Structures are given as structure tokens and as C-alpha cells.
PDB file of N, CA and C in Angstrom:
ATOM      1  N   GLU A   1     122.190 -34.706  62.163  1.00  0.00           N
ATOM      2  CA  GLU A   1     122.556 -33.772  63.193  1.00  0.00           C
ATOM      3  C   GLU A   1     122.712 -34.454  64.551  1.00  0.00           C
ATOM      4  N   PHE A   2     122.095 -35.629  64.751  1.00  0.00           N
ATOM      5  CA  PHE A   2     122.164 -36.294  66.052  1.00  0.00           C
ATOM      6  C   PHE A   2     123.213 -37.400  66.105  1.00  0.00           C
ATOM      7  N   ARG A   3     123.687 -37.834  64.960  1.00  0.00           N
ATOM      8  CA  ARG A   3     124.586 -38.991  64.934  1.00  0.00           C
ATOM      9  C   ARG A   3     125.889 -38.736  65.680  1.00  0.00           C
ATOM     10  N   LYS A   4     126.532 -37.630  65.412  1.00  0.00           N
ATOM     11  CA  LYS A   4     127.812 -37.327  66.069  1.00  0.00           C
ATOM     12  C   LYS A   4     127.664 -37.217  67.590  1.00  0.00           C
ATOM     13  N   PRO A   5     126.671 -36.462  68.088  1.00  0.00           N
ATOM     14  CA  PRO A   5     126.547 -36.337  69.545  1.00  0.00           C
ATOM     15  C   PRO A   5     126.239 -37.658  70.262  1.00  0.00           C
ATOM     16  N   ILE A   6     125.696 -38.630  69.542  1.00  0.00           N
ATOM     17  CA  ILE A   6     125.393 -39.922  70.164  1.00  0.00           C
ATOM     18  C   ILE A   6     126.670 -40.619  70.611  1.00  0.00           C
ATOM     19  N   GLY A   7     127.755 -40.354  69.913  1.00  0.00           N
ATOM     20  CA  GLY A   7     129.031 -40.967  70.296  1.00  0.00           C
ATOM     21  C   GLY A   7     128.983 -42.474  70.172  1.00  0.00           C
ATOM     22  N   ASN A   8     129.367 -43.168  71.243  1.00  0.00           N
ATOM     23  CA  ASN A   8     129.376 -44.629  71.210  1.00  0.00           C
ATOM     24  C   ASN A   8     128.216 -45.228  72.006  1.00  0.00           C
ATOM     25  N   ARG A   9     127.224 -44.429  72.315  1.00  0.00           N
ATOM     26  CA  ARG A   9     126.081 -44.927  73.083  1.00  0.00           C
ATOM     27  C   ARG A   9     125.133 -45.684  72.156  1.00  0.00           C
ATOM     28  N   ILE A  10     124.697 -46.847  72.615  1.00  0.00           N
ATOM     29  CA  ILE A  10     123.760 -47.611  71.789  1.00  0.00           C
ATOM     30  C   ILE A  10     122.386 -47.728  72.441  1.00  0.00           C
ATOM     31  N   PHE A  11     122.291 -47.357  73.715  1.00  0.00           N
ATOM     32  CA  PHE A  11     121.004 -47.380  74.404  1.00  0.00           C
ATOM     33  C   PHE A  11     121.084 -46.402  75.557  1.00  0.00           C
ATOM     34  N   GLY A  12     120.059 -45.595  75.747  1.00  0.00           N
ATOM     35  CA  GLY A  12     120.130 -44.485  76.679  1.00  0.00           C
ATOM     36  C   GLY A  12     119.869 -44.760  78.139  1.00  0.00           C
ATOM     37  N   CYS A  13     119.260 -45.879  78.472  1.00  0.00           N
ATOM     38  CA  CYS A  13     118.889 -46.099  79.870  1.00  0.00           C
ATOM     39  C   CYS A  13     120.090 -46.061  80.810  1.00  0.00           C
ATOM     40  N   ASP A  14     121.206 -46.619  80.406  1.00  0.00           N
ATOM     41  CA  ASP A  14     122.379 -46.621  81.279  1.00  0.00           C
ATOM     42  C   ASP A  14     122.852 -45.205  81.560  1.00  0.00           C
ATOM     43  N   ASP A  15     122.862 -44.357  80.540  1.00  0.00           N
ATOM     44  CA  ASP A  15     123.273 -42.969  80.746  1.00  0.00           C
ATOM     45  C   ASP A  15     122.320 -42.263  81.704  1.00  0.00           C
ATOM     46  N   CYS A  16     121.041 -42.514  81.566  1.00  0.00           N
ATOM     47  CA  CYS A  16     120.065 -41.893  82.467  1.00  0.00           C
ATOM     48  C   CYS A  16     120.303 -42.341  83.904  1.00  0.00           C
ATOM     49  N   GLN A  17     120.599 -43.618  84.081  1.00  0.00           N
ATOM     50  CA  GLN A  17     120.875 -44.128  85.426  1.00  0.00           C
ATOM     51  C   GLN A  17     122.110 -43.461  86.022  1.00  0.00           C
ATOM     52  N   LEU A  18     123.108 -43.223  85.196  1.00  0.00           N
ATOM     53  CA  LEU A  18     124.352 -42.620  85.679  1.00  0.00           C
ATOM     54  C   LEU A  18     124.167 -41.169  86.119  1.00  0.00           C
ATOM     55  N   VAL A  19     123.320 -40.420  85.432  1.00  0.00           N
ATOM     56  CA  VAL A  19     123.173 -38.998  85.743  1.00  0.00           C
ATOM     57  C   VAL A  19     121.980 -38.682  86.644  1.00  0.00           C
ATOM     58  N   CYS A  20     121.154 -39.660  86.928  1.00  0.00           N
ATOM     59  CA  CYS A  20     119.973 -39.426  87.758  1.00  0.00           C
ATOM     60  C   CYS A  20     120.400 -39.006  89.169  1.00  0.00           C
ATOM     61  N   PRO A  21     119.947 -37.833  89.638  1.00  0.00           N
ATOM     62  CA  PRO A  21     120.363 -37.382  90.967  1.00  0.00           C
ATOM     63  C   PRO A  21     119.900 -38.305  92.096  1.00  0.00           C
ATOM     64  N   TRP A  22     118.807 -39.014  91.888  1.00  0.00           N
ATOM     65  CA  TRP A  22     118.327 -39.921  92.930  1.00  0.00           C
ATOM     66  C   TRP A  22     119.238 -41.127  93.102  1.00  0.00           C
ATOM     67  N   ASN A  23     119.955 -41.472  92.063  1.00  0.00           N
ATOM     68  CA  ASN A  23     120.807 -42.655  92.144  1.00  0.00           C
ATOM     69  C   ASN A  23     122.047 -42.453  93.002  1.00  0.00           C
ATOM     70  N   LYS A  24     122.330 -41.211  93.393  1.00  0.00           N
ATOM     71  CA  LYS A  24     123.474 -41.004  94.285  1.00  0.00           C
ATOM     72  C   LYS A  24     123.218 -41.656  95.646  1.00  0.00           C
ATOM     73  N   PHE A  25     121.959 -41.952  95.946  1.00  0.00           N
ATOM     74  CA  PHE A  25     121.619 -42.609  97.206  1.00  0.00           C
ATOM     75  C   PHE A  25     121.613 -44.134  97.082  1.00  0.00           C
ATOM     76  N   SER A  26     121.725 -44.628  95.872  1.00  0.00           N
ATOM     77  CA  SER A  26     121.632 -46.080  95.663  1.00  0.00           C
ATOM     78  C   SER A  26     122.944 -46.770  96.019  1.00  0.00           C
ATOM     79  N   LYS A  27     122.830 -48.046  96.282  1.00  0.00           N
ATOM     80  CA  LYS A  27     123.995 -48.871  96.588  1.00  0.00           C
ATOM     81  C   LYS A  27     124.013 -50.036  95.603  1.00  0.00           C
ATOM     82  N   ASN A  28     125.194 -50.546  95.321  1.00  0.00           N
ATOM     83  CA  ASN A  28     125.290 -51.719  94.454  1.00  0.00           C
ATOM     84  C   ASN A  28     124.589 -52.892  95.113  1.00  0.00           C
ATOM     85  N   SER A  29     124.030 -53.726  94.299  1.00  0.00           N
ATOM     86  CA  SER A  29     123.291 -54.878  94.793  1.00  0.00           C
ATOM     87  C   SER A  29     123.929 -56.166  94.300  1.00  0.00           C
ATOM     88  N   ASP A  30     123.830 -57.192  95.116  1.00  0.00           N
ATOM     89  CA  ASP A  30     124.290 -58.518  94.710  1.00  0.00           C
ATOM     90  C   ASP A  30     123.176 -59.318  94.041  1.00  0.00           C
ATOM     91  N   GLU A  31     121.996 -58.713  93.945  1.00  0.00           N
ATOM     92  CA  GLU A  31     120.870 -59.384  93.301  1.00  0.00           C
ATOM     93  C   GLU A  31     121.215 -59.685  91.850  1.00  0.00           C
ATOM     94  N   LYS A  32     120.947 -60.899  91.429  1.00  0.00           N
ATOM     95  CA  LYS A  32     121.273 -61.325  90.068  1.00  0.00           C
ATOM     96  C   LYS A  32     120.605 -60.440  89.007  1.00  0.00           C
ATOM     97  N   ASP A  33     119.401 -59.976  89.286  1.00  0.00           N
ATOM     98  CA  ASP A  33     118.671 -59.147  88.318  1.00  0.00           C
ATOM     99  C   ASP A  33     119.380 -57.832  88.000  1.00  0.00           C
ATOM    100  N   PHE A  34     120.297 -57.420  88.862  1.00  0.00           N
ATOM    101  CA  PHE A  34     120.970 -56.137  88.672  1.00  0.00           C
ATOM    102  C   PHE A  34     122.409 -56.267  88.195  1.00  0.00           C
ATOM    103  N   THR A  35     122.823 -57.465  87.869  1.00  0.00           N
ATOM    104  CA  THR A  35     124.185 -57.658  87.371  1.00  0.00           C
ATOM    105  C   THR A  35     124.176 -57.662  85.841  1.00  0.00           C
ATOM    106  N   PRO A  36     125.271 -57.209  85.224  1.00  0.00           N
ATOM    107  CA  PRO A  36     125.333 -57.214  83.755  1.00  0.00           C
ATOM    108  C   PRO A  36     125.173 -58.633  83.203  1.00  0.00           C
ATOM    109  N   ARG A  37     124.458 -58.738  82.116  1.00  0.00           N
ATOM    110  CA  ARG A  37     124.223 -60.043  81.485  1.00  0.00           C
ATOM    111  C   ARG A  37     125.084 -60.188  80.242  1.00  0.00           C
ATOM    112  N   HIS A  38     125.481 -61.419  79.992  1.00  0.00           N
ATOM    113  CA  HIS A  38     126.198 -61.758  78.760  1.00  0.00           C
ATOM    114  C   HIS A  38     127.400 -60.850  78.514  1.00  0.00           C
ATOM    115  N   SER A  39     128.024 -60.407  79.581  1.00  0.00           N
ATOM    116  CA  SER A  39     129.210 -59.535  79.498  1.00  0.00           C
ATOM    117  C   SER A  39     128.949 -58.259  78.690  1.00  0.00           C
ATOM    118  N   LEU A  40     127.717 -57.789  78.704  1.00  0.00           N
ATOM    119  CA  LEU A  40     127.381 -56.586  77.934  1.00  0.00           C
ATOM    120  C   LEU A  40     128.101 -55.346  78.449  1.00  0.00           C
ATOM    121  N   ASP A  41     128.529 -55.385  79.694  1.00  0.00           N
ATOM    122  CA  ASP A  41     129.244 -54.231  80.238  1.00  0.00           C
ATOM    123  C   ASP A  41     130.676 -54.141  79.725  1.00  0.00           C
ATOM    124  N   ASP A  42     131.125 -55.186  79.041  1.00  0.00           N
ATOM    125  CA  ASP A  42     132.495 -55.212  78.528  1.00  0.00           C
ATOM    126  C   ASP A  42     132.525 -55.628  77.054  1.00  0.00           C
ATOM    127  N   ALA A  43     131.412 -55.406  76.358  1.00  0.00           N
ATOM    128  CA  ALA A  43     131.291 -55.866  74.974  1.00  0.00           C
ATOM    129  C   ALA A  43     131.934 -54.888  73.995  1.00  0.00           C
ATOM    130  N   GLN A  44     132.389 -55.417  72.892  1.00  0.00           N
ATOM    131  CA  GLN A  44     132.934 -54.609  71.803  1.00  0.00           C
ATOM    132  C   GLN A  44     131.820 -54.351  70.784  1.00  0.00           C
ATOM    133  N   LEU A  45     131.774 -53.151  70.248  1.00  0.00           N
ATOM    134  CA  LEU A  45     130.721 -52.802  69.290  1.00  0.00           C
ATOM    135  C   LEU A  45     130.690 -53.742  68.092  1.00  0.00           C
ATOM    136  N   VAL A  46     131.849 -54.110  67.558  1.00  0.00           N
ATOM    137  CA  VAL A  46     131.854 -54.985  66.377  1.00  0.00           C
ATOM    138  C   VAL A  46     131.273 -56.350  66.710  1.00  0.00           C
ATOM    139  N   ASP A  47     131.460 -56.823  67.934  1.00  0.00           N
ATOM    140  CA  ASP A  47     130.879 -58.105  68.335  1.00  0.00           C
ATOM    141  C   ASP A  47     129.364 -57.994  68.452  1.00  0.00           C
ATOM    142  N   LEU A  48     128.887 -56.910  69.033  1.00  0.00           N
ATOM    143  CA  LEU A  48     127.441 -56.697  69.154  1.00  0.00           C
ATOM    144  C   LEU A  48     126.795 -56.544  67.783  1.00  0.00           C
ATOM    145  N   PHE A  49     127.496 -55.906  66.858  1.00  0.00           N
ATOM    146  CA  PHE A  49     126.986 -55.691  65.504  1.00  0.00           C
ATOM    147  C   PHE A  49     126.855 -57.007  64.741  1.00  0.00           C
ATOM    148  N   ALA A  50     127.587 -58.014  65.163  1.00  0.00           N
ATOM    149  CA  ALA A  50     127.543 -59.318  64.495  1.00  0.00           C
ATOM    150  C   ALA A  50     126.402 -60.201  65.001  1.00  0.00           C
ATOM    151  N   TRP A  51     125.718 -59.787  66.051  1.00  0.00           N
ATOM    152  CA  TRP A  51     124.625 -60.598  66.581  1.00  0.00           C
ATOM    153  C   TRP A  51     123.539 -60.798  65.530  1.00  0.00           C
ATOM    154  N   SER A  52     123.029 -62.008  65.481  1.00  0.00           N
ATOM    155  CA  SER A  52     121.840 -62.283  64.672  1.00  0.00           C
ATOM    156  C   SER A  52     120.616 -61.811  65.464  1.00  0.00           C
ATOM    157  N   GLU A  53     119.479 -61.809  64.816  1.00  0.00           N
ATOM    158  CA  GLU A  53     118.265 -61.426  65.540  1.00  0.00           C
ATOM    159  C   GLU A  53     118.001 -62.402  66.681  1.00  0.00           C
ATOM    160  N   ARG A  54     118.286 -63.668  66.452  1.00  0.00           N
ATOM    161  CA  ARG A  54     118.110 -64.678  67.508  1.00  0.00           C
ATOM    162  C   ARG A  54     119.031 -64.376  68.690  1.00  0.00           C
ATOM    163  N   ASP A  55     120.295 -64.036  68.403  1.00  0.00           N
ATOM    164  CA  ASP A  55     121.227 -63.649  69.474  1.00  0.00           C
ATOM    165  C   ASP A  55     120.668 -62.467  70.261  1.00  0.00           C
ATOM    166  N   PHE A  56     120.201 -61.465  69.531  1.00  0.00           N
ATOM    167  CA  PHE A  56     119.643 -60.271  70.175  1.00  0.00           C
ATOM    168  C   PHE A  56     118.495 -60.648  71.105  1.00  0.00           C
ATOM    169  N   LEU A  57     117.574 -61.455  70.613  1.00  0.00           N
ATOM    170  CA  LEU A  57     116.414 -61.836  71.422  1.00  0.00           C
ATOM    171  C   LEU A  57     116.830 -62.669  72.629  1.00  0.00           C
ATOM    172  N   ASN A  58     117.754 -63.598  72.444  1.00  0.00           N
ATOM    173  CA  ASN A  58     118.202 -64.445  73.552  1.00  0.00           C
ATOM    174  C   ASN A  58     118.975 -63.656  74.601  1.00  0.00           C
ATOM    175  N   ARG A  59     119.842 -62.789  74.166  1.00  0.00           N
ATOM    176  CA  ARG A  59     120.739 -62.097  75.096  1.00  0.00           C
ATOM    177  C   ARG A  59     120.132 -60.859  75.739  1.00  0.00           C
ATOM    178  N   THR A  60     119.018 -60.404  75.218  1.00  0.00           N
ATOM    179  CA  THR A  60     118.370 -59.233  75.821  1.00  0.00           C
ATOM    180  C   THR A  60     117.068 -59.598  76.519  1.00  0.00           C
ATOM    181  N   GLU A  61     116.796 -60.878  76.655  1.00  0.00           N
ATOM    182  CA  GLU A  61     115.568 -61.305  77.322  1.00  0.00           C
ATOM    183  C   GLU A  61     115.520 -60.737  78.738  1.00  0.00           C
ATOM    184  N   GLY A  62     114.420 -60.104  79.074  1.00  0.00           N
ATOM    185  CA  GLY A  62     114.248 -59.520  80.396  1.00  0.00           C
ATOM    186  C   GLY A  62     114.925 -58.172  80.572  1.00  0.00           C
ATOM    187  N   SER A  63     115.476 -57.626  79.501  1.00  0.00           N
ATOM    188  CA  SER A  63     116.191 -56.352  79.568  1.00  0.00           C
ATOM    189  C   SER A  63     115.403 -55.268  78.839  1.00  0.00           C
ATOM    190  N   ALA A  64     115.508 -54.049  79.334  1.00  0.00           N
ATOM    191  CA  ALA A  64     114.819 -52.920  78.690  1.00  0.00           C
ATOM    192  C   ALA A  64     115.319 -52.686  77.271  1.00  0.00           C
ATOM    193  N   ILE A  65     116.536 -53.065  76.990  1.00  0.00           N
ATOM    194  CA  ILE A  65     117.101 -52.813  75.658  1.00  0.00           C
ATOM    195  C   ILE A  65     116.333 -53.554  74.562  1.00  0.00           C
ATOM    196  N   ARG A  66     115.662 -54.620  74.932  1.00  0.00           N
ATOM    197  CA  ARG A  66     114.905 -55.388  73.945  1.00  0.00           C
ATOM    198  C   ARG A  66     113.771 -54.563  73.332  1.00  0.00           C
ATOM    199  N   ARG A  67     113.296 -53.574  74.063  1.00  0.00           N
ATOM    200  CA  ARG A  67     112.168 -52.760  73.575  1.00  0.00           C
ATOM    201  C   ARG A  67     112.477 -52.041  72.276  1.00  0.00           C
ATOM    202  N   ILE A  68     113.740 -51.728  72.023  1.00  0.00           N
ATOM    203  CA  ILE A  68     114.054 -50.988  70.801  1.00  0.00           C
ATOM    204  C   ILE A  68     113.967 -51.864  69.558  1.00  0.00           C
ATOM    205  N   GLY A  69     114.047 -53.175  69.728  1.00  0.00           N
ATOM    206  CA  GLY A  69     113.965 -54.088  68.594  1.00  0.00           C
ATOM    207  C   GLY A  69     115.297 -54.232  67.875  1.00  0.00           C
ATOM    208  N   TYR A  70     115.391 -55.272  67.084  1.00  0.00           N
ATOM    209  CA  TYR A  70     116.649 -55.633  66.431  1.00  0.00           C
ATOM    210  C   TYR A  70     117.124 -54.579  65.430  1.00  0.00           C
ATOM    211  N   ASP A  71     116.224 -54.052  64.612  1.00  0.00           N
ATOM    212  CA  ASP A  71     116.638 -53.047  63.622  1.00  0.00           C
ATOM    213  C   ASP A  71     117.198 -51.792  64.288  1.00  0.00           C
ATOM    214  N   CYS A  72     116.551 -51.320  65.333  1.00  0.00           N
ATOM    215  CA  CYS A  72     117.056 -50.128  66.027  1.00  0.00           C
ATOM    216  C   CYS A  72     118.358 -50.435  66.757  1.00  0.00           C
ATOM    217  N   TRP A  73     118.506 -51.664  67.229  1.00  0.00           N
ATOM    218  CA  TRP A  73     119.767 -52.115  67.832  1.00  0.00           C
ATOM    219  C   TRP A  73     120.899 -51.985  66.814  1.00  0.00           C
ATOM    220  N   LEU A  74     120.675 -52.523  65.610  1.00  0.00           N
ATOM    221  CA  LEU A  74     121.698 -52.433  64.566  1.00  0.00           C
ATOM    222  C   LEU A  74     121.943 -50.986  64.151  1.00  0.00           C
ATOM    223  N   ARG A  75     120.879 -50.203  64.033  1.00  0.00           N
ATOM    224  CA  ARG A  75     121.026 -48.789  63.674  1.00  0.00           C
ATOM    225  C   ARG A  75     121.901 -48.063  64.685  1.00  0.00           C
ATOM    226  N   ASN A  76     121.609 -48.259  65.965  1.00  0.00           N
ATOM    227  CA  ASN A  76     122.358 -47.575  67.015  1.00  0.00           C
ATOM    228  C   ASN A  76     123.825 -47.992  67.020  1.00  0.00           C
ATOM    229  N   ILE A  77     124.079 -49.272  66.790  1.00  0.00           N
ATOM    230  CA  ILE A  77     125.468 -49.733  66.762  1.00  0.00           C
ATOM    231  C   ILE A  77     126.176 -49.196  65.522  1.00  0.00           C
ATOM    232  N   ALA A  78     125.475 -49.128  64.397  1.00  0.00           N
ATOM    233  CA  ALA A  78     126.076 -48.549  63.187  1.00  0.00           C
ATOM    234  C   ALA A  78     126.492 -47.105  63.445  1.00  0.00           C
ATOM    235  N   ILE A  79     125.661 -46.343  64.128  1.00  0.00           N
ATOM    236  CA  ILE A  79     126.003 -44.956  64.463  1.00  0.00           C
ATOM    237  C   ILE A  79     127.227 -44.925  65.371  1.00  0.00           C
ATOM    238  N   ALA A  80     127.227 -45.772  66.387  1.00  0.00           N
ATOM    239  CA  ALA A  80     128.369 -45.821  67.307  1.00  0.00           C
ATOM    240  C   ALA A  80     129.646 -46.215  66.569  1.00  0.00           C
ATOM    241  N   LEU A  81     129.532 -47.155  65.633  1.00  0.00           N
ATOM    242  CA  LEU A  81     130.708 -47.548  64.844  1.00  0.00           C
ATOM    243  C   LEU A  81     131.163 -46.407  63.938  1.00  0.00           C
ATOM    244  N   GLY A  82     130.232 -45.614  63.456  1.00  0.00           N
ATOM    245  CA  GLY A  82     130.596 -44.448  62.658  1.00  0.00           C
ATOM    246  C   GLY A  82     131.353 -43.407  63.463  1.00  0.00           C
ATOM    247  N   ASN A  83     131.108 -43.382  64.752  1.00  0.00           N
ATOM    248  CA  ASN A  83     131.790 -42.453  65.648  1.00  0.00           C
ATOM    249  C   ASN A  83     133.046 -43.051  66.272  1.00  0.00           C
ATOM    250  N   ALA A  84     133.292 -44.319  66.032  1.00  0.00           N
ATOM    251  CA  ALA A  84     134.463 -44.998  66.600  1.00  0.00           C
ATOM    252  C   ALA A  84     135.725 -44.616  65.829  1.00  0.00           C
ATOM    253  N   PRO A  85     136.882 -44.812  66.443  1.00  0.00           N
ATOM    254  CA  PRO A  85     138.127 -44.591  65.698  1.00  0.00           C
ATOM    255  C   PRO A  85     138.178 -45.517  64.478  1.00  0.00           C
ATOM    256  N   THR A  86     138.707 -45.023  63.394  1.00  0.00           N
ATOM    257  CA  THR A  86     138.788 -45.813  62.170  1.00  0.00           C
ATOM    258  C   THR A  86     139.750 -46.974  62.352  1.00  0.00           C
ATOM    259  N   SER A  87     139.285 -48.142  61.947  1.00  0.00           N
ATOM    260  CA  SER A  87     140.133 -49.337  61.948  1.00  0.00           C
ATOM    261  C   SER A  87     139.608 -50.291  60.888  1.00  0.00           C
ATOM    262  N   LYS A  88     140.459 -51.212  60.472  1.00  0.00           N
ATOM    263  CA  LYS A  88     140.039 -52.212  59.483  1.00  0.00           C
ATOM    264  C   LYS A  88     138.898 -53.058  60.024  1.00  0.00           C
ATOM    265  N   VAL A  89     138.929 -53.358  61.312  1.00  0.00           N
ATOM    266  CA  VAL A  89     137.897 -54.193  61.930  1.00  0.00           C
ATOM    267  C   VAL A  89     136.540 -53.491  61.889  1.00  0.00           C
ATOM    268  N   VAL A  90     136.518 -52.210  62.213  1.00  0.00           N
ATOM    269  CA  VAL A  90     135.266 -51.442  62.200  1.00  0.00           C
ATOM    270  C   VAL A  90     134.711 -51.351  60.782  1.00  0.00           C
ATOM    271  N   VAL A  91     135.546 -51.004  59.831  1.00  0.00           N
ATOM    272  CA  VAL A  91     135.097 -50.873  58.438  1.00  0.00           C
ATOM    273  C   VAL A  91     134.614 -52.223  57.906  1.00  0.00           C
ATOM    274  N   ALA A  92     135.308 -53.298  58.239  1.00  0.00           N
ATOM    275  CA  ALA A  92     134.896 -54.638  57.792  1.00  0.00           C
ATOM    276  C   ALA A  92     133.545 -55.018  58.392  1.00  0.00           C
ATOM    277  N   ALA A  93     133.337 -54.699  59.666  1.00  0.00           N
ATOM    278  CA  ALA A  93     132.057 -55.008  60.309  1.00  0.00           C
ATOM    279  C   ALA A  93     130.918 -54.259  59.626  1.00  0.00           C
ATOM    280  N   LEU A  94     131.130 -52.994  59.340  1.00  0.00           N
ATOM    281  CA  LEU A  94     130.105 -52.199  58.655  1.00  0.00           C
ATOM    282  C   LEU A  94     129.834 -52.743  57.256  1.00  0.00           C
ATOM    283  N   ASN A  95     130.885 -53.037  56.515  1.00  0.00           N
ATOM    284  CA  ASN A  95     130.716 -53.582  55.159  1.00  0.00           C
ATOM    285  C   ASN A  95     130.021 -54.931  55.164  1.00  0.00           C
ATOM    286  N   SER A  96     130.214 -55.719  56.212  1.00  0.00           N
ATOM    287  CA  SER A  96     129.596 -57.048  56.268  1.00  0.00           C
ATOM    288  C   SER A  96     128.077 -56.974  56.338  1.00  0.00           C
ATOM    289  N   ARG A  97     127.551 -55.874  56.839  1.00  0.00           N
ATOM    290  CA  ARG A  97     126.102 -55.703  56.969  1.00  0.00           C
ATOM    291  C   ARG A  97     125.493 -54.856  55.853  1.00  0.00           C
ATOM    292  N   LEU A  98     126.319 -54.123  55.133  1.00  0.00           N
ATOM    293  CA  LEU A  98     125.819 -53.219  54.099  1.00  0.00           C
ATOM    294  C   LEU A  98     124.992 -53.982  53.070  1.00  0.00           C
ATOM    295  N   ASN A  99     123.796 -53.490  52.798  1.00  0.00           N
ATOM    296  CA  ASN A  99     122.855 -54.082  51.839  1.00  0.00           C
ATOM    297  C   ASN A  99     122.322 -55.444  52.265  1.00  0.00           C
ATOM    298  N   ASN A 100     122.521 -55.811  53.534  1.00  0.00           N
ATOM    299  CA  ASN A 100     121.975 -57.067  54.066  1.00  0.00           C
ATOM    300  C   ASN A 100     121.036 -56.808  55.236  1.00  0.00           C
ATOM    301  N   VAL A 101     120.561 -55.580  55.344  1.00  0.00           N
ATOM    302  CA  VAL A 101     119.719 -55.166  56.463  1.00  0.00           C
ATOM    303  C   VAL A 101     118.588 -54.294  55.925  1.00  0.00           C
ATOM    304  N   SER A 102     117.761 -53.794  56.823  1.00  0.00           N
ATOM    305  CA  SER A 102     116.665 -52.922  56.393  1.00  0.00           C
ATOM    306  C   SER A 102     117.213 -51.629  55.796  1.00  0.00           C
ATOM    307  N   GLU A 103     116.367 -50.944  55.064  1.00  0.00           N
ATOM    308  CA  GLU A 103     116.753 -49.670  54.442  1.00  0.00           C
ATOM    309  C   GLU A 103     117.190 -48.654  55.502  1.00  0.00           C
ATOM    310  N   MET A 104     116.475 -48.639  56.630  1.00  0.00           N
ATOM    311  CA  MET A 104     116.818 -47.706  57.702  1.00  0.00           C
ATOM    312  C   MET A 104     118.227 -47.976  58.229  1.00  0.00           C
ATOM    313  N   VAL A 105     118.526 -49.231  58.515  1.00  0.00           N
ATOM    314  CA  VAL A 105     119.850 -49.584  59.038  1.00  0.00           C
ATOM    315  C   VAL A 105     120.909 -49.311  57.978  1.00  0.00           C
ATOM    316  N   ASN A 106     120.601 -49.654  56.752  1.00  0.00           N
ATOM    317  CA  ASN A 106     121.544 -49.441  55.651  1.00  0.00           C
ATOM    318  C   ASN A 106     121.940 -47.965  55.525  1.00  0.00           C
ATOM    319  N   GLU A 107     120.971 -47.076  55.713  1.00  0.00           N
ATOM    320  CA  GLU A 107     121.248 -45.634  55.654  1.00  0.00           C
ATOM    321  C   GLU A 107     122.308 -45.241  56.686  1.00  0.00           C
ATOM    322  N   HIS A 108     122.209 -45.804  57.875  1.00  0.00           N
ATOM    323  CA  HIS A 108     123.148 -45.461  58.945  1.00  0.00           C
ATOM    324  C   HIS A 108     124.503 -46.135  58.744  1.00  0.00           C
ATOM    325  N   ILE A 109     124.502 -47.314  58.164  1.00  0.00           N
ATOM    326  CA  ILE A 109     125.775 -47.969  57.837  1.00  0.00           C
ATOM    327  C   ILE A 109     126.508 -47.153  56.778  1.00  0.00           C
ATOM    328  N   THR A 110     125.773 -46.698  55.773  1.00  0.00           N
ATOM    329  CA  THR A 110     126.377 -45.872  54.723  1.00  0.00           C
ATOM    330  C   THR A 110     126.988 -44.612  55.327  1.00  0.00           C
ATOM    331  N   TRP A 111     126.261 -43.963  56.230  1.00  0.00           N
ATOM    332  CA  TRP A 111     126.791 -42.782  56.915  1.00  0.00           C
ATOM    333  C   TRP A 111     128.068 -43.138  57.683  1.00  0.00           C
ATOM    334  N   ALA A 112     128.020 -44.257  58.420  1.00  0.00           N
ATOM    335  CA  ALA A 112     129.178 -44.669  59.227  1.00  0.00           C
ATOM    336  C   ALA A 112     130.401 -44.916  58.350  1.00  0.00           C
ATOM    337  N   LEU A 113     130.195 -45.575  57.224  1.00  0.00           N
ATOM    338  CA  LEU A 113     131.316 -45.825  56.311  1.00  0.00           C
ATOM    339  C   LEU A 113     131.881 -44.515  55.764  1.00  0.00           C
ATOM    340  N   GLN A 114     131.016 -43.546  55.514  1.00  0.00           N
ATOM    341  CA  GLN A 114     131.478 -42.231  55.042  1.00  0.00           C
ATOM    342  C   GLN A 114     132.352 -41.546  56.093  1.00  0.00           C
ATOM    343  N   GLN A 115     132.052 -41.765  57.360  1.00  0.00           N
ATOM    344  CA  GLN A 115     132.857 -41.168  58.428  1.00  0.00           C
ATOM    345  C   GLN A 115     134.280 -41.718  58.419  1.00  0.00           C
ATOM    346  N   HIS A 116     134.407 -42.979  58.026  1.00  0.00           N
ATOM    347  CA  HIS A 116     135.727 -43.618  58.015  1.00  0.00           C
ATOM    348  C   HIS A 116     136.471 -43.384  56.704  1.00  0.00           C
ATOM    349  N   ALA A 117     135.765 -42.859  55.715  1.00  0.00           N
ATOM    350  CA  ALA A 117     136.402 -42.579  54.423  1.00  0.00           C
ATOM    351  C   ALA A 117     137.034 -41.190  54.404  1.00  0.00           C
ATOM    352  N   SER A 118     136.596 -40.344  55.329  1.00  0.00           N
ATOM    353  CA  SER A 118     137.100 -38.959  55.307  1.00  0.00           C
ATOM    354  C   SER A 118     138.334 -38.766  56.159  1.00  0.00           C
TER     355      SER A 118
END
């Protein structure tokens, strides 16, 4: 029931920052700590889905997104890919991970593939 409404979101903190009424008073900062890391602001879901656990740990160091852990990262991206427009690239990315991940992630990959089969 929650997969469809999630859309292409893989982590909620950014959405909360965007809708927080207090943030209307904030200004952009040139501080390095507040700039996007590893081009995550322009990343493609299939590229993020290909990250190894080591990639995840290295590229999310010092970021709140690391708190969800690698399995939840893959789960969230699988859901987002299930909600993405159907393409050979998306289906191939999902199939590449099928049965090579935890049972929890596999369940969401299976759901995502079903979305592209219909």
C-alpha cells in the first residue's frame, strides 16, 4: 500500500527539508558540508542500485542517509525503480540484483519487476 505513493523517493530527509516551513528563512550556503556529495543530486536510480556495500559506505560517509543501512538503501531504490517508467535499463538493473540480495530486498525487487510486466 505504501510502495506506489513513495514514487521515486529513496530517502525522506530531503523532502522534509523542502517542505519545512522554517526553511523558507534559510539561505544557500557555500559551506562544503552543505553541498551535494558524489553528484547525488544528479544521480540516476539504476546507477545508485549498482552500488556495492563498500560504495554505499564510502559515498554516504557523514550523511544521514547512511543510517538506513545498505539493505534499506537497496529496498528503497527497488521501490523507486518499480515506480519508474518502464525501460530495458530499469528491468535489467532489477534483474541483476534479483536473488542476489536479502529476502527483504528481493521481495521489493520482485514487486518492482511485476510493475514493469503489467
